[in-house]
Protein backbone atom coordinates (compact mmCIF):
# COMPACT_ATOMS: atom_id res chain seq x y z
CA MET A 1 -36.84 -14.86 35.87
CA SER A 2 -36.21 -16.91 32.38
CA THR A 3 -33.64 -15.53 30.24
CA LEU A 4 -35.86 -16.22 27.18
CA GLU A 5 -38.45 -13.80 28.25
CA PRO A 6 -38.01 -10.23 27.00
CA PRO A 7 -37.09 -7.71 29.75
CA ALA A 8 -39.72 -5.97 31.42
CA GLY A 9 -40.97 -2.79 29.61
CA ALA A 10 -39.61 -3.98 26.29
CA LYS A 11 -41.33 -2.93 23.27
CA LYS A 12 -42.91 -5.81 21.51
CA PRO A 13 -42.60 -5.94 17.67
CA GLY A 14 -45.88 -5.17 15.79
CA GLY A 15 -47.02 -4.35 12.66
CA PHE A 16 -44.80 -4.63 9.51
CA ALA A 17 -41.89 -5.79 11.96
CA LEU A 18 -44.04 -8.62 13.48
CA TRP A 19 -45.25 -9.55 9.95
CA LEU A 20 -41.66 -9.77 8.68
CA ALA A 21 -40.62 -11.79 11.43
CA ARG A 22 -43.27 -14.33 11.00
CA LEU A 23 -42.70 -14.32 7.31
CA GLN A 24 -38.90 -15.00 8.06
CA MET A 25 -39.84 -17.66 10.24
CA ALA A 26 -42.50 -19.41 8.28
CA HIS A 27 -40.45 -19.08 4.70
CA GLY A 28 -36.99 -18.24 5.88
CA ARG A 29 -35.26 -20.73 3.62
CA LYS A 30 -37.39 -19.94 0.60
CA LEU A 31 -36.66 -16.21 1.14
CA VAL A 32 -32.76 -17.03 1.22
CA ILE A 33 -33.14 -19.10 -1.84
CA ALA A 34 -35.31 -16.26 -3.74
CA LEU A 35 -32.93 -13.49 -2.81
CA PRO A 36 -30.21 -14.24 -5.65
CA TYR A 37 -33.30 -14.61 -8.13
CA LEU A 38 -34.69 -11.28 -7.11
CA TRP A 39 -31.21 -9.76 -7.49
CA LEU A 40 -31.01 -11.10 -11.08
CA ILE A 41 -34.46 -10.15 -11.89
CA LEU A 42 -34.03 -6.45 -10.74
CA LEU A 43 -30.27 -5.92 -12.03
CA PHE A 44 -30.39 -8.11 -15.15
CA LEU A 45 -33.85 -9.17 -16.37
CA LEU A 46 -35.64 -5.99 -16.03
CA PRO A 47 -32.88 -3.70 -17.62
CA PHE A 48 -32.68 -6.25 -20.54
CA LEU A 49 -36.34 -5.89 -21.06
CA ILE A 50 -36.24 -2.27 -21.04
CA VAL A 51 -33.37 -2.15 -23.65
CA PHE A 52 -35.23 -4.81 -25.90
CA LYS A 53 -38.35 -2.59 -25.73
CA ILE A 54 -36.20 0.38 -26.92
CA SER A 55 -34.77 -1.84 -29.64
CA LEU A 56 -38.09 -2.26 -31.09
CA ALA A 57 -39.24 1.43 -31.26
CA GLU A 58 -38.51 3.96 -33.60
CA MET A 59 -36.10 7.10 -33.34
CA ALA A 60 -38.03 10.26 -32.39
CA ARG A 61 -37.15 13.93 -31.72
CA ALA A 62 -38.26 13.64 -28.19
CA ILE A 63 -37.26 13.06 -24.76
CA PRO A 64 -36.70 10.12 -24.58
CA PRO A 65 -35.73 9.93 -28.00
CA TYR A 66 -37.95 6.98 -29.16
CA THR A 67 -41.55 6.23 -29.97
CA ASP A 68 -43.70 4.28 -27.74
CA LEU A 69 -44.64 0.70 -28.72
CA TRP A 70 -48.20 0.96 -27.47
CA GLU A 71 -50.67 3.58 -28.79
CA TRP A 72 -54.14 4.20 -27.86
CA ALA A 73 -56.25 5.71 -30.74
CA GLU A 74 -60.03 5.89 -31.30
CA GLY A 75 -60.69 3.57 -28.53
CA GLN A 76 -58.16 0.83 -29.70
CA LEU A 77 -54.88 -0.02 -28.40
CA THR A 78 -52.19 -1.07 -31.07
CA LEU A 79 -48.77 -2.42 -30.64
CA THR A 80 -46.15 -1.48 -33.11
CA LEU A 81 -43.01 -3.35 -33.64
CA ASN A 82 -40.11 -2.08 -35.58
CA LEU A 83 -37.48 -4.86 -36.62
CA GLY A 84 -35.55 -2.30 -38.72
CA ASN A 85 -33.10 -1.66 -36.11
CA PHE A 86 -31.87 -5.26 -36.37
CA LEU A 87 -31.96 -5.12 -39.97
CA GLN A 88 -29.75 -2.10 -40.06
CA LEU A 89 -27.21 -4.13 -38.25
CA THR A 90 -27.02 -6.60 -41.23
CA ASP A 91 -27.09 -3.78 -43.90
CA ASP A 92 -24.32 -1.62 -42.58
CA PRO A 93 -20.97 -3.40 -42.57
CA LEU A 94 -19.66 -1.31 -39.89
CA TYR A 95 -21.59 -3.03 -37.21
CA PHE A 96 -20.18 -6.36 -38.29
CA GLU A 97 -16.74 -4.91 -38.38
CA ALA A 98 -17.06 -3.74 -34.83
CA TYR A 99 -18.63 -6.80 -33.55
CA LEU A 100 -15.59 -8.96 -35.18
CA GLN A 101 -13.01 -6.79 -34.27
CA SER A 102 -14.18 -6.59 -30.51
CA LEU A 103 -14.12 -10.62 -30.48
CA GLN A 104 -10.98 -10.90 -32.03
CA VAL A 105 -9.37 -8.20 -29.55
CA ALA A 106 -11.07 -9.88 -26.46
CA GLY A 107 -9.88 -13.21 -27.72
CA ILE A 108 -6.06 -12.16 -28.34
CA SER A 109 -6.24 -10.14 -25.10
CA THR A 110 -7.51 -13.09 -23.07
CA PHE A 111 -4.82 -15.38 -24.44
CA CYS A 112 -2.09 -12.93 -23.70
CA CYS A 113 -3.60 -12.64 -19.86
CA LEU A 114 -3.33 -16.17 -19.73
CA LEU A 115 0.23 -16.48 -20.97
CA LEU A 116 1.25 -13.79 -18.35
CA GLY A 117 -1.23 -14.64 -15.72
CA TYR A 118 -0.51 -18.25 -15.31
CA PRO A 119 3.25 -18.02 -14.61
CA LEU A 120 2.61 -15.06 -12.27
CA ALA A 121 -0.35 -16.93 -10.48
CA TRP A 122 2.26 -20.01 -10.26
CA ALA A 123 4.91 -17.82 -8.70
CA VAL A 124 2.59 -16.33 -6.21
CA ALA A 125 1.07 -19.80 -5.21
CA HIS A 126 4.71 -21.24 -4.82
CA SER A 127 6.12 -18.30 -2.64
CA LYS A 128 7.08 -18.49 0.96
CA PRO A 129 3.67 -18.00 3.25
CA SER A 130 5.40 -14.66 4.65
CA THR A 131 5.53 -13.09 1.16
CA ARG A 132 2.43 -14.55 -0.55
CA ASN A 133 0.29 -12.09 0.99
CA ILE A 134 2.44 -9.13 -0.34
CA LEU A 135 2.68 -10.67 -3.85
CA LEU A 136 -1.22 -11.00 -3.81
CA LEU A 137 -1.44 -6.99 -2.69
CA LEU A 138 0.78 -6.04 -5.29
CA VAL A 139 -1.47 -7.86 -7.92
CA ILE A 140 -4.80 -6.30 -6.48
CA LEU A 141 -3.15 -2.95 -5.74
CA PRO A 142 -3.40 -1.34 -9.26
CA SER A 143 -7.29 -1.86 -8.98
CA TRP A 144 -7.78 0.55 -6.14
CA THR A 145 -6.69 3.31 -8.42
CA SER A 146 -9.33 4.85 -10.91
CA PHE A 147 -9.49 2.84 -13.92
CA LEU A 148 -9.47 6.19 -16.14
CA ILE A 149 -6.37 7.50 -14.35
CA ARG A 150 -4.61 4.07 -15.12
CA VAL A 151 -5.51 4.28 -18.80
CA TYR A 152 -4.21 8.14 -18.88
CA ALA A 153 -1.02 6.93 -17.37
CA TRP A 154 -0.42 4.48 -20.29
CA MET A 155 -1.03 7.45 -22.71
CA GLY A 156 1.86 9.30 -20.91
CA LEU A 157 3.92 6.04 -21.36
CA LEU A 158 3.30 5.13 -24.88
CA LYS A 159 3.48 8.52 -26.55
CA SER A 160 6.36 9.55 -28.87
CA ASN A 161 7.85 11.51 -26.16
CA GLY A 162 6.85 9.25 -23.44
CA VAL A 163 8.73 7.39 -20.65
CA LEU A 164 9.25 4.09 -23.04
CA ASN A 165 10.41 5.91 -26.07
CA ASN A 166 12.76 7.80 -24.18
CA PHE A 167 14.13 5.05 -22.07
CA LEU A 168 14.36 2.79 -25.51
CA LEU A 169 16.37 5.83 -27.28
CA TRP A 170 18.68 6.34 -24.18
CA LEU A 171 19.33 2.42 -24.55
CA GLY A 172 20.06 2.89 -28.16
CA VAL A 173 17.58 0.17 -29.00
CA ILE A 174 15.70 2.32 -31.54
CA ASP A 175 16.91 5.50 -33.52
CA GLN A 176 13.52 7.18 -33.64
CA PRO A 177 10.38 7.15 -31.43
CA LEU A 178 8.01 4.18 -31.87
CA GLU A 179 4.52 5.00 -32.86
CA ILE A 180 2.50 2.72 -30.39
CA LEU A 181 -0.20 5.25 -28.91
CA HIS A 182 -3.41 5.41 -30.73
CA THR A 183 -2.87 1.83 -32.58
CA ASN A 184 -4.43 -1.73 -31.94
CA LEU A 185 -1.17 -2.76 -30.38
CA ALA A 186 -1.92 0.12 -27.34
CA VAL A 187 -5.24 -1.26 -27.02
CA TYR A 188 -4.09 -4.86 -26.58
CA ILE A 189 -1.42 -3.53 -24.07
CA GLY A 190 -4.25 -1.42 -22.23
CA ILE A 191 -6.60 -4.36 -21.97
CA VAL A 192 -3.99 -7.02 -20.90
CA TYR A 193 -2.79 -4.56 -18.16
CA ALA A 194 -6.32 -3.70 -16.98
CA TYR A 195 -7.60 -7.54 -16.84
CA LEU A 196 -4.64 -9.31 -15.77
CA PRO A 197 -5.67 -9.45 -12.23
CA PHE A 198 -8.84 -11.08 -13.08
CA MET A 199 -6.96 -13.97 -14.75
CA VAL A 200 -4.21 -14.35 -12.04
CA LEU A 201 -6.66 -14.72 -9.02
CA PRO A 202 -8.71 -17.62 -10.07
CA ILE A 203 -5.61 -19.51 -11.48
CA TYR A 204 -4.08 -18.87 -8.10
CA THR A 205 -6.93 -20.24 -6.22
CA ALA A 206 -6.93 -23.26 -8.53
CA LEU A 207 -3.37 -23.73 -7.80
CA THR A 208 -3.48 -23.61 -4.09
CA ARG A 209 -6.36 -26.50 -4.18
CA ILE A 210 -4.21 -28.92 -5.90
CA ASP A 211 -3.20 -32.26 -4.28
CA TYR A 212 0.39 -32.06 -5.06
CA SER A 213 0.60 -35.97 -4.34
CA LEU A 214 -0.60 -36.32 -7.76
CA VAL A 215 2.10 -34.33 -9.29
CA GLU A 216 4.87 -36.28 -7.15
CA ALA A 217 3.26 -39.70 -8.14
CA SER A 218 3.66 -38.43 -11.92
CA LEU A 219 7.11 -37.49 -11.42
CA ASP A 220 7.93 -40.92 -9.53
CA LEU A 221 6.39 -42.87 -12.35
CA GLY A 222 8.97 -41.32 -14.80
CA ALA A 223 7.02 -38.35 -16.18
CA ARG A 224 9.12 -35.47 -17.29
CA PRO A 225 8.31 -32.04 -15.53
CA LEU A 226 6.73 -30.61 -18.83
CA LYS A 227 4.65 -33.61 -19.48
CA THR A 228 3.51 -33.54 -15.73
CA PHE A 229 2.54 -29.87 -16.02
CA PHE A 230 0.65 -30.21 -19.18
CA GLN A 231 -1.32 -33.52 -18.28
CA VAL A 232 -1.59 -33.04 -14.48
CA ILE A 233 -1.43 -29.63 -13.21
CA VAL A 234 -3.01 -27.85 -16.14
CA PRO A 235 -6.19 -30.12 -16.01
CA LEU A 236 -6.37 -29.88 -12.39
CA THR A 237 -6.40 -25.90 -12.84
CA LYS A 238 -8.73 -25.81 -15.77
CA GLY A 239 -11.55 -24.52 -13.80
CA GLY A 240 -9.36 -21.45 -12.73
CA ILE A 241 -8.27 -21.14 -16.38
CA ILE A 242 -11.81 -20.92 -17.69
CA ALA A 243 -13.04 -18.57 -14.95
CA GLY A 244 -10.18 -16.29 -15.58
CA SER A 245 -10.58 -16.36 -19.09
CA MET A 246 -14.40 -15.38 -18.77
CA LEU A 247 -13.70 -12.67 -16.35
CA VAL A 248 -11.22 -11.08 -18.95
CA PHE A 249 -13.18 -11.95 -22.31
CA ILE A 250 -16.62 -10.73 -21.39
CA PRO A 251 -15.85 -7.21 -20.23
CA ALA A 252 -13.05 -6.95 -23.01
CA VAL A 253 -15.71 -7.29 -25.68
CA GLY A 254 -17.63 -4.27 -24.55
CA GLU A 255 -14.52 -2.17 -23.64
CA PHE A 256 -15.04 1.53 -24.41
CA VAL A 257 -12.47 3.59 -22.42
CA ILE A 258 -9.32 1.67 -23.55
CA PRO A 259 -10.06 1.87 -27.26
CA GLU A 260 -11.28 5.39 -27.08
CA LEU A 261 -8.16 6.81 -25.14
CA LEU A 262 -5.43 4.35 -26.53
CA GLY A 263 -6.72 3.22 -29.95
CA GLY A 264 -6.90 5.07 -33.17
CA PRO A 265 -9.43 5.52 -35.87
CA ASP A 266 -8.97 1.60 -36.69
CA SER A 267 -9.80 0.50 -33.50
CA ILE A 268 -13.58 0.19 -34.12
CA MET A 269 -15.11 -2.00 -31.12
CA ILE A 270 -18.47 -2.43 -30.19
CA GLY A 271 -18.20 -0.12 -27.15
CA ARG A 272 -17.28 2.87 -29.24
CA VAL A 273 -20.11 2.21 -31.70
CA LEU A 274 -22.65 1.90 -28.96
CA TRP A 275 -21.27 5.48 -27.51
CA GLN A 276 -21.51 6.97 -30.87
CA GLU A 277 -25.21 5.55 -31.40
CA PHE A 278 -26.39 6.62 -27.89
CA PHE A 279 -24.83 10.06 -27.25
CA ASN A 280 -23.69 11.46 -30.64
CA ASN A 281 -26.42 10.26 -33.13
CA ARG A 282 -28.88 9.82 -30.17
CA ASP A 283 -30.37 6.90 -32.07
CA TRP A 284 -31.41 4.91 -29.10
CA PRO A 285 -33.27 2.17 -30.70
CA VAL A 286 -30.25 1.19 -33.12
CA ALA A 287 -27.83 1.46 -30.03
CA SER A 288 -30.21 -0.80 -28.09
CA ALA A 289 -30.43 -3.26 -30.98
CA VAL A 290 -26.43 -3.28 -30.99
CA ALA A 291 -26.19 -4.01 -27.24
CA ILE A 292 -28.88 -6.85 -27.37
CA VAL A 293 -26.94 -8.75 -30.30
CA MET A 294 -23.65 -8.12 -28.15
CA LEU A 295 -25.62 -9.65 -24.94
CA LEU A 296 -26.55 -12.70 -27.05
CA LEU A 297 -22.94 -13.13 -28.31
CA LEU A 298 -21.81 -13.26 -24.78
CA ILE A 299 -24.23 -15.52 -23.61
CA VAL A 300 -22.76 -18.36 -25.71
CA PRO A 301 -19.49 -18.50 -23.51
CA ILE A 302 -21.17 -18.01 -20.32
CA MET A 303 -23.43 -20.82 -20.84
CA TRP A 304 -20.57 -23.10 -21.92
CA PHE A 305 -18.71 -22.06 -18.64
CA HIS A 306 -21.97 -22.94 -16.61
CA LYS A 307 -22.19 -26.19 -18.41
CA HIS A 308 -18.47 -26.99 -17.87
CA GLN A 309 -19.10 -25.91 -14.04
CA GLN A 310 -22.15 -28.30 -13.59
CA LYS A 311 -20.00 -31.11 -15.22
CA GLN A 312 -17.11 -30.57 -12.78
CA ILE A 313 -19.61 -30.55 -9.90
CA GLY A 314 -20.99 -33.93 -11.15
CA GLU A 315 -17.72 -35.33 -11.36
CA HIS A 316 -16.41 -34.38 -8.00
CA GLY A 317 -19.95 -34.77 -6.33
């Protein structure tokens, strides 16, 4: 009996299973290629179109709280588009200030993560193989805890009678407690702490892929260690730096929890504005317009990163 034949009494596939098997055999490669695009359509394009549709509607006292774009009346189908929601973003300076502060906070936080993350990634990459996995685990370990709990922990650390102020008072560094909680400084601390692992891991990966014979050649040719670092090592890890910066900058722009819990009334970031428009004012059309503009702002660095990646592939391909 051939081993390729099904065992006696085995049930042959039929119906939908048979159709699926034939489809996979005929178009298997196309299906594999189409799966990522299907994922993008379901989780990005479709939600984007829904939010864009709401941004063109008008606020209404209904469930959901906005009007329909299409209306059937007297045998005619009419389309009503309201661009006033986008015009409101230009008329009210609150939105411009929120966008500007969000970009500023995200940019400074990304730079701070880079300053802290690069030496940390370097230390992990150049550690002994026996301790490297332990150090990587310590970098990732905070992410296993609830994000909200970690932010609440920082509230306990930064408040006037918290651990940090009590420690500084005990050392005699300060005479009275520092007002850190509910300030922009607390927001920076929270964002840097929360997103630092996203900067460390891509840089660590880039450092482990460096051909260190190039570094040795630079040193043998008389270049100083500092010059070798900036002219050899940094360019070779540029991909990791850009990837880490994108992973920090993009979510930091729309951050809501950290500014809400650690920030004060001056911490007007776009995430807080979105929350207020959606849940306090129940103005879904304006909130959707805010989200659309924020997404368009974030597409610019994403496209730049994609262009850089394509350029790198072309250089090494």
